[in-house]
C-alpha atoms as a PDB file:
ATOM      1  CA  ARG A   1      45.978 134.791  90.982  1.00  0.00           C
ATOM      2  CA  ARG A   2      46.576 134.126  94.675  1.00  0.00           C
ATOM      3  CA  VAL A   3      46.438 131.298  97.120  1.00  0.00           C
ATOM      4  CA  LEU A   4      45.751 131.939 100.760  1.00  0.00           C
ATOM      5  CA  ILE A   5      47.669 129.821 103.225  1.00  0.00           C
ATOM      6  CA  ALA A   6      45.671 129.450 106.462  1.00  0.00           C
ATOM      7  CA  ASN A   7      48.400 127.663 108.378  1.00  0.00           C
ATOM      8  CA  ASN A   8      51.840 128.450 109.729  1.00  0.00           C
ATOM      9  CA  GLY A   9      55.133 126.789 110.657  1.00  0.00           C
ATOM     10  CA  MET A  10      56.443 123.768 108.913  1.00  0.00           C
ATOM     11  CA  ALA A  11      53.067 122.893 107.139  1.00  0.00           C
ATOM     12  CA  ALA A  12      52.914 126.366 105.546  1.00  0.00           C
ATOM     13  CA  SER A  13      56.549 126.351 104.675  1.00  0.00           C
ATOM     14  CA  LYS A  14      56.323 122.868 103.014  1.00  0.00           C
ATOM     15  CA  PHE A  15      53.200 123.906 101.154  1.00  0.00           C
ATOM     16  CA  ILE A  16      54.858 127.092  99.804  1.00  0.00           C
ATOM     17  CA  LEU A  17      57.888 125.155  98.685  1.00  0.00           C
ATOM     18  CA  SER A  18      55.825 122.430  97.034  1.00  0.00           C
ATOM     19  CA  VAL A  19      53.447 124.705  95.158  1.00  0.00           C
ATOM     20  CA  ARG A  20      56.433 126.783  93.840  1.00  0.00           C
ATOM     21  CA  ARG A  21      58.129 123.660  92.707  1.00  0.00           C
ATOM     22  CA  TRP A  22      54.893 122.381  90.995  1.00  0.00           C
ATOM     23  CA  LEU A  23      54.343 125.857  89.395  1.00  0.00           C
ATOM     24  CA  HIS A  24      57.721 126.020  87.925  1.00  0.00           C
ATOM     25  CA  HIS A  25      57.427 122.634  86.511  1.00  0.00           C
ATOM     26  CA  ALA A  26      53.761 122.932  85.181  1.00  0.00           C
ATOM     27  CA  CYS A  27      53.779 126.622  84.139  1.00  0.00           C
ATOM     28  CA  GLY A  28      57.378 127.456  83.654  1.00  0.00           C
ATOM     29  CA  SER A  29      57.380 130.043  86.431  1.00  0.00           C
ATOM     30  CA  ALA A  30      56.892 129.838  90.108  1.00  0.00           C
ATOM     31  CA  SER A  31      55.504 133.383  90.208  1.00  0.00           C
ATOM     32  CA  VAL A  32      52.332 132.879  88.182  1.00  0.00           C
ATOM     33  CA  VAL A  33      50.446 132.498  91.522  1.00  0.00           C
ATOM     34  CA  LYS A  34      51.064 134.832  94.440  1.00  0.00           C
ATOM     35  CA  LEU A  35      51.184 132.891  97.840  1.00  0.00           C
ATOM     36  CA  VAL A  36      49.514 134.824 100.666  1.00  0.00           C
ATOM     37  CA  ALA A  37      50.464 133.683 104.188  1.00  0.00           C
ATOM     38  CA  MET A  38      48.648 134.456 107.369  1.00  0.00           C
ATOM     39  CA  ALA A  39      51.006 135.513 110.157  1.00  0.00           C
ATOM     40  CA  THR A  40      50.626 136.519 113.677  1.00  0.00           C
ATOM     41  CA  PRO A  41      52.699 139.371 115.300  1.00  0.00           C
ATOM     42  CA  ASP A  42      54.817 136.587 116.899  1.00  0.00           C
ATOM     43  CA  ASP A  43      55.451 134.944 113.520  1.00  0.00           C
ATOM     44  CA  ILE A  44      56.402 138.319 112.030  1.00  0.00           C
ATOM     45  CA  ARG A  45      58.794 139.250 114.880  1.00  0.00           C
ATOM     46  CA  ALA A  46      60.438 135.865 114.720  1.00  0.00           C
ATOM     47  CA  ASN A  47      60.680 136.092 110.905  1.00  0.00           C
ATOM     48  CA  ALA A  48      59.059 132.611 110.782  1.00  0.00           C
ATOM     49  CA  ARG A  49      60.073 130.665 107.593  1.00  0.00           C
ATOM     50  CA  HIS A  50      56.557 130.789 106.038  1.00  0.00           C
ATOM     51  CA  VAL A  51      56.622 134.514 106.573  1.00  0.00           C
ATOM     52  CA  SER A  52      59.892 134.895 104.635  1.00  0.00           C
ATOM     53  CA  LEU A  53      58.831 132.475 101.901  1.00  0.00           C
ATOM     54  CA  ALA A  54      55.419 133.978 101.185  1.00  0.00           C
ATOM     55  CA  ASP A  55      54.847 136.629  98.460  1.00  0.00           C
ATOM     56  CA  VAL A  56      52.322 138.560 100.584  1.00  0.00           C
ATOM     57  CA  ILE A  57      51.735 138.604 104.292  1.00  0.00           C
ATOM     58  CA  GLU A  58      48.384 139.124 105.976  1.00  0.00           C
ATOM     59  CA  GLU A  59      48.830 139.922 109.636  1.00  0.00           C
ATOM     60  CA  VAL A  60      46.211 138.255 111.890  1.00  0.00           C
ATOM     61  CA  PRO A  61      45.686 138.474 115.637  1.00  0.00           C
ATOM     62  CA  GLY A  62      47.962 136.600 117.918  1.00  0.00           C
ATOM     63  CA  GLY A  63      46.802 134.338 120.817  1.00  0.00           C
ATOM     64  CA  PRO A  64      44.872 130.990 120.494  1.00  0.00           C
ATOM     65  CA  ASN A  65      44.250 129.516 117.074  1.00  0.00           C
ATOM     66  CA  THR A  66      40.613 130.395 117.360  1.00  0.00           C
ATOM     67  CA  ASN A  67      41.842 134.053 116.930  1.00  0.00           C
ATOM     68  CA  ASN A  68      43.736 133.275 113.750  1.00  0.00           C
ATOM     69  CA  TYR A  69      44.494 130.010 111.959  1.00  0.00           C
ATOM     70  CA  ALA A  70      41.285 128.309 113.099  1.00  0.00           C
ATOM     71  CA  ASN A  71      39.016 131.280 112.750  1.00  0.00           C
ATOM     72  CA  VAL A  72      36.821 130.486 109.803  1.00  0.00           C
ATOM     73  CA  GLN A  73      35.310 133.925 109.399  1.00  0.00           C
ATOM     74  CA  LEU A  74      38.734 135.583 109.421  1.00  0.00           C
ATOM     75  CA  ILE A  75      40.096 132.971 106.841  1.00  0.00           C
ATOM     76  CA  LEU A  76      37.007 133.607 104.563  1.00  0.00           C
ATOM     77  CA  SER A  77      37.279 137.340 104.805  1.00  0.00           C
ATOM     78  CA  LEU A  78      40.938 137.146 103.794  1.00  0.00           C
ATOM     79  CA  ALA A  79      40.158 134.723 100.986  1.00  0.00           C
ATOM     80  CA  ILE A  80      37.542 137.151  99.646  1.00  0.00           C
ATOM     81  CA  LYS A  81      39.983 140.023  99.917  1.00  0.00           C
ATOM     82  CA  HIS A  82      42.608 138.202  97.878  1.00  0.00           C
END
C-alpha cells in the first residue's frame, strides 16, 4: 500500500509525520503504508525535509507549480504508477 503526496515543504512534512503517527497508533506499525513524495530537482538538491521523511521519492520537473505539484495529469500518472 502506498500514498502519493502531491505537495512539498511544510505541508508535506506535517502530513508524513501525522500519517506515520496515526499508522503507528492504529496499526501498530508506521511502515504498513509507504509514503511516496513528489520532489523537484531543487527539493532533492536541498534535501528538503519531506524528501528525507518519505519512503519513496518521485522526481518531478522543476519550475512553476503547473509543471509539478499542480499538474493534475502528472499527479494522476504517478498515482496510477504507485
